[in-house]
N, C-alpha and C. Protein backbone atom coordinates (compact mmCIF):
# COMPACT_ATOMS: atom_id res chain seq x y z
N MET A 1 0.83 -1.19 0.00
CA MET A 1 0.00 0.00 0.00
C MET A 1 0.88 1.25 0.00
N LYS A 2 0.54 2.20 -0.85
CA LYS A 2 1.30 3.43 -0.96
C LYS A 2 1.02 4.35 0.23
N PRO A 3 2.03 5.13 0.64
CA PRO A 3 1.78 6.15 1.67
C PRO A 3 0.78 7.18 1.15
N GLN A 4 0.04 7.77 2.07
CA GLN A 4 -0.97 8.78 1.74
C GLN A 4 -0.34 10.16 1.72
N LEU A 5 -0.63 10.94 0.68
CA LEU A 5 -0.15 12.30 0.58
C LEU A 5 -1.34 13.21 0.31
N LYS A 6 -1.61 14.11 1.24
CA LYS A 6 -2.67 15.10 1.04
C LYS A 6 -2.02 16.36 0.50
N TYR A 7 -2.55 16.85 -0.59
CA TYR A 7 -2.02 18.02 -1.27
C TYR A 7 -3.04 19.14 -1.15
N PHE A 8 -2.71 20.17 -0.39
CA PHE A 8 -3.58 21.33 -0.19
C PHE A 8 -3.15 22.43 -1.16
N TYR A 9 -4.11 22.92 -1.92
CA TYR A 9 -3.83 23.93 -2.94
C TYR A 9 -5.02 24.87 -3.06
N ASN A 10 -4.84 25.96 -3.78
CA ASN A 10 -5.99 26.73 -4.24
C ASN A 10 -5.78 27.02 -5.72
N PRO A 11 -6.86 27.11 -6.48
CA PRO A 11 -6.76 27.21 -7.93
C PRO A 11 -6.08 28.48 -8.42
N GLU A 12 -5.99 29.51 -7.60
CA GLU A 12 -5.39 30.77 -8.03
C GLU A 12 -3.91 30.87 -7.67
N CYS A 13 -3.39 29.91 -6.97
CA CYS A 13 -2.00 29.92 -6.51
C CYS A 13 -1.05 29.57 -7.66
N PRO A 14 -0.17 30.51 -8.06
CA PRO A 14 0.76 30.22 -9.16
C PRO A 14 1.68 29.03 -8.87
N LYS A 15 2.19 28.91 -7.66
CA LYS A 15 3.07 27.80 -7.32
C LYS A 15 2.32 26.47 -7.36
N CYS A 16 1.05 26.49 -6.97
CA CYS A 16 0.24 25.27 -7.03
C CYS A 16 0.08 24.83 -8.49
N LYS A 17 -0.14 25.78 -9.37
CA LYS A 17 -0.26 25.45 -10.80
C LYS A 17 1.03 24.84 -11.33
N GLU A 18 2.17 25.38 -10.88
CA GLU A 18 3.46 24.86 -11.32
C GLU A 18 3.69 23.42 -10.85
N LEU A 19 3.06 23.05 -9.75
CA LEU A 19 3.26 21.71 -9.19
C LEU A 19 2.47 20.61 -9.90
N LYS A 20 1.54 20.96 -10.77
CA LYS A 20 0.68 19.96 -11.41
C LYS A 20 1.46 18.80 -12.03
N PRO A 21 2.49 19.05 -12.85
CA PRO A 21 3.22 17.91 -13.43
C PRO A 21 3.96 17.09 -12.37
N VAL A 22 4.42 17.74 -11.33
CA VAL A 22 5.13 17.03 -10.26
C VAL A 22 4.15 16.15 -9.49
N ILE A 23 2.95 16.64 -9.26
CA ILE A 23 1.92 15.85 -8.58
C ILE A 23 1.65 14.57 -9.38
N GLU A 24 1.58 14.70 -10.68
CA GLU A 24 1.35 13.52 -11.53
C GLU A 24 2.48 12.51 -11.36
N GLU A 25 3.71 12.99 -11.29
CA GLU A 25 4.85 12.10 -11.10
C GLU A 25 4.83 11.44 -9.72
N LEU A 26 4.42 12.20 -8.71
CA LEU A 26 4.37 11.67 -7.35
C LEU A 26 3.31 10.59 -7.18
N LYS A 27 2.33 10.55 -8.08
CA LYS A 27 1.28 9.52 -8.01
C LYS A 27 1.84 8.11 -8.15
N GLN A 28 3.04 7.99 -8.69
CA GLN A 28 3.69 6.69 -8.80
C GLN A 28 4.13 6.19 -7.41
N LEU A 29 4.39 7.13 -6.51
CA LEU A 29 4.93 6.79 -5.19
C LEU A 29 3.92 6.89 -4.06
N PHE A 30 2.89 7.72 -4.25
CA PHE A 30 1.94 8.02 -3.17
C PHE A 30 0.50 7.94 -3.66
N GLU A 31 -0.38 7.65 -2.72
CA GLU A 31 -1.81 7.80 -2.96
C GLU A 31 -2.12 9.25 -2.63
N ILE A 32 -2.45 10.06 -3.64
CA ILE A 32 -2.59 11.50 -3.44
C ILE A 32 -4.05 11.91 -3.41
N THR A 33 -4.37 12.72 -2.41
CA THR A 33 -5.67 13.37 -2.32
C THR A 33 -5.44 14.86 -2.46
N SER A 34 -6.02 15.47 -3.48
CA SER A 34 -5.90 16.91 -3.70
C SER A 34 -7.05 17.61 -3.01
N ILE A 35 -6.73 18.62 -2.21
CA ILE A 35 -7.75 19.31 -1.43
C ILE A 35 -7.70 20.80 -1.75
N ASN A 36 -8.79 21.28 -2.33
CA ASN A 36 -8.93 22.70 -2.65
C ASN A 36 -9.24 23.45 -1.36
N THR A 37 -8.36 24.35 -0.96
CA THR A 37 -8.52 25.05 0.31
C THR A 37 -9.74 25.96 0.33
N TYR A 38 -10.19 26.43 -0.84
CA TYR A 38 -11.38 27.26 -0.90
C TYR A 38 -12.64 26.45 -0.60
N GLU A 39 -12.64 25.19 -1.02
CA GLU A 39 -13.82 24.35 -0.84
C GLU A 39 -13.84 23.60 0.48
N GLU A 40 -12.69 23.44 1.11
CA GLU A 40 -12.59 22.63 2.33
C GLU A 40 -12.06 23.46 3.50
N GLY A 41 -12.66 24.61 3.72
CA GLY A 41 -12.20 25.53 4.76
C GLY A 41 -12.19 24.94 6.16
N VAL A 42 -13.19 24.13 6.50
CA VAL A 42 -13.25 23.54 7.83
C VAL A 42 -12.07 22.58 8.04
N LEU A 43 -11.80 21.74 7.05
CA LEU A 43 -10.68 20.81 7.14
C LEU A 43 -9.35 21.57 7.22
N VAL A 44 -9.20 22.58 6.39
CA VAL A 44 -7.98 23.40 6.39
C VAL A 44 -7.75 24.02 7.76
N GLU A 45 -8.79 24.55 8.33
CA GLU A 45 -8.68 25.17 9.65
C GLU A 45 -8.36 24.13 10.72
N SER A 46 -9.00 22.97 10.65
CA SER A 46 -8.77 21.94 11.67
C SER A 46 -7.34 21.39 11.64
N LEU A 47 -6.72 21.42 10.45
CA LEU A 47 -5.34 20.94 10.31
C LEU A 47 -4.31 22.07 10.40
N ASN A 48 -4.82 23.29 10.65
CA ASN A 48 -3.96 24.47 10.80
C ASN A 48 -3.06 24.67 9.58
N ILE A 49 -3.65 24.59 8.40
CA ILE A 49 -2.91 24.84 7.17
C ILE A 49 -2.74 26.35 7.03
N GLN A 50 -1.49 26.80 7.00
CA GLN A 50 -1.18 28.22 6.93
C GLN A 50 -0.81 28.70 5.53
N TRP A 51 -0.30 27.79 4.70
CA TRP A 51 0.22 28.14 3.39
C TRP A 51 -0.29 27.17 2.34
N VAL A 52 -0.33 27.64 1.11
CA VAL A 52 -0.47 26.74 -0.02
C VAL A 52 0.70 27.01 -0.94
N PRO A 53 1.22 25.99 -1.52
CA PRO A 53 0.83 24.59 -1.35
C PRO A 53 1.33 24.01 -0.02
N THR A 54 0.62 22.98 0.44
CA THR A 54 1.03 22.21 1.61
C THR A 54 0.82 20.73 1.31
N PHE A 55 1.78 19.92 1.75
CA PHE A 55 1.65 18.46 1.70
C PHE A 55 1.56 17.94 3.12
N ILE A 56 0.71 16.96 3.33
CA ILE A 56 0.72 16.20 4.58
C ILE A 56 0.90 14.74 4.18
N LEU A 57 2.02 14.18 4.60
CA LEU A 57 2.36 12.80 4.31
C LEU A 57 1.99 11.94 5.51
N GLU A 58 1.25 10.87 5.26
CA GLU A 58 0.92 9.91 6.29
C GLU A 58 1.52 8.57 5.88
N ASP A 59 2.49 8.12 6.68
CA ASP A 59 3.12 6.84 6.42
C ASP A 59 3.25 6.06 7.72
N LYS A 60 3.99 4.97 7.68
CA LYS A 60 4.09 4.11 8.87
C LYS A 60 4.81 4.80 10.02
N THR A 61 5.53 5.89 9.75
CA THR A 61 6.22 6.60 10.84
C THR A 61 5.41 7.73 11.43
N GLY A 62 4.25 8.03 10.83
CA GLY A 62 3.40 9.08 11.37
C GLY A 62 2.96 10.07 10.31
N GLN A 63 2.67 11.27 10.76
CA GLN A 63 2.17 12.33 9.89
C GLN A 63 3.23 13.44 9.81
N HIS A 64 3.53 13.88 8.59
CA HIS A 64 4.57 14.87 8.37
C HIS A 64 4.01 15.99 7.49
N LYS A 65 4.16 17.23 7.93
CA LYS A 65 3.62 18.38 7.20
C LYS A 65 4.75 19.15 6.54
N PHE A 66 4.52 19.51 5.26
CA PHE A 66 5.46 20.30 4.48
C PHE A 66 4.70 21.50 3.95
N GLU A 67 4.99 22.68 4.47
CA GLU A 67 4.24 23.88 4.09
C GLU A 67 5.12 24.82 3.28
N GLY A 68 4.54 25.36 2.23
CA GLY A 68 5.25 26.34 1.42
C GLY A 68 6.20 25.71 0.43
N VAL A 69 6.62 26.53 -0.50
CA VAL A 69 7.42 26.06 -1.62
C VAL A 69 8.77 25.50 -1.19
N LYS A 70 9.46 26.14 -0.25
CA LYS A 70 10.78 25.66 0.16
C LYS A 70 10.71 24.27 0.75
N GLU A 71 9.79 24.04 1.67
CA GLU A 71 9.68 22.72 2.30
C GLU A 71 9.24 21.66 1.30
N ILE A 72 8.30 22.01 0.45
CA ILE A 72 7.81 21.05 -0.55
C ILE A 72 8.91 20.72 -1.55
N THR A 73 9.68 21.70 -1.96
CA THR A 73 10.78 21.46 -2.89
C THR A 73 11.79 20.48 -2.29
N LYS A 74 12.15 20.67 -1.04
CA LYS A 74 13.08 19.75 -0.37
C LYS A 74 12.50 18.35 -0.32
N PHE A 75 11.22 18.24 0.01
CA PHE A 75 10.54 16.94 0.07
C PHE A 75 10.58 16.26 -1.30
N ILE A 76 10.23 17.00 -2.34
CA ILE A 76 10.17 16.44 -3.70
C ILE A 76 11.56 15.98 -4.13
N GLN A 77 12.56 16.79 -3.88
CA GLN A 77 13.92 16.41 -4.26
C GLN A 77 14.35 15.15 -3.55
N LYS A 78 13.96 14.99 -2.31
CA LYS A 78 14.33 13.82 -1.52
C LYS A 78 13.67 12.54 -2.07
N VAL A 79 12.38 12.61 -2.38
CA VAL A 79 11.67 11.39 -2.78
C VAL A 79 11.86 11.03 -4.25
N ILE A 80 12.14 12.02 -5.10
CA ILE A 80 12.28 11.74 -6.52
C ILE A 80 13.72 11.33 -6.87
N SER A 81 14.70 11.85 -6.17
CA SER A 81 16.09 11.54 -6.51
C SER A 81 16.54 10.21 -5.96
């Protein structure tokens, strides 16, 4: 079973748009759920999402949050390389 990756985005976010091809590539490694922050405000608030894009990875070691472009870029470089 693939690890779960929740991807928080909003449709107007330029960096979120840039991530689209990367998200497709990550689907080979993760079960991805894309969450539009405009449509899921209650969930966003309950998880204290401060930035978009944000990834929340759930694997056998627990839950890991990556907020903003710098953290997400480091995460992507780590898992793809």
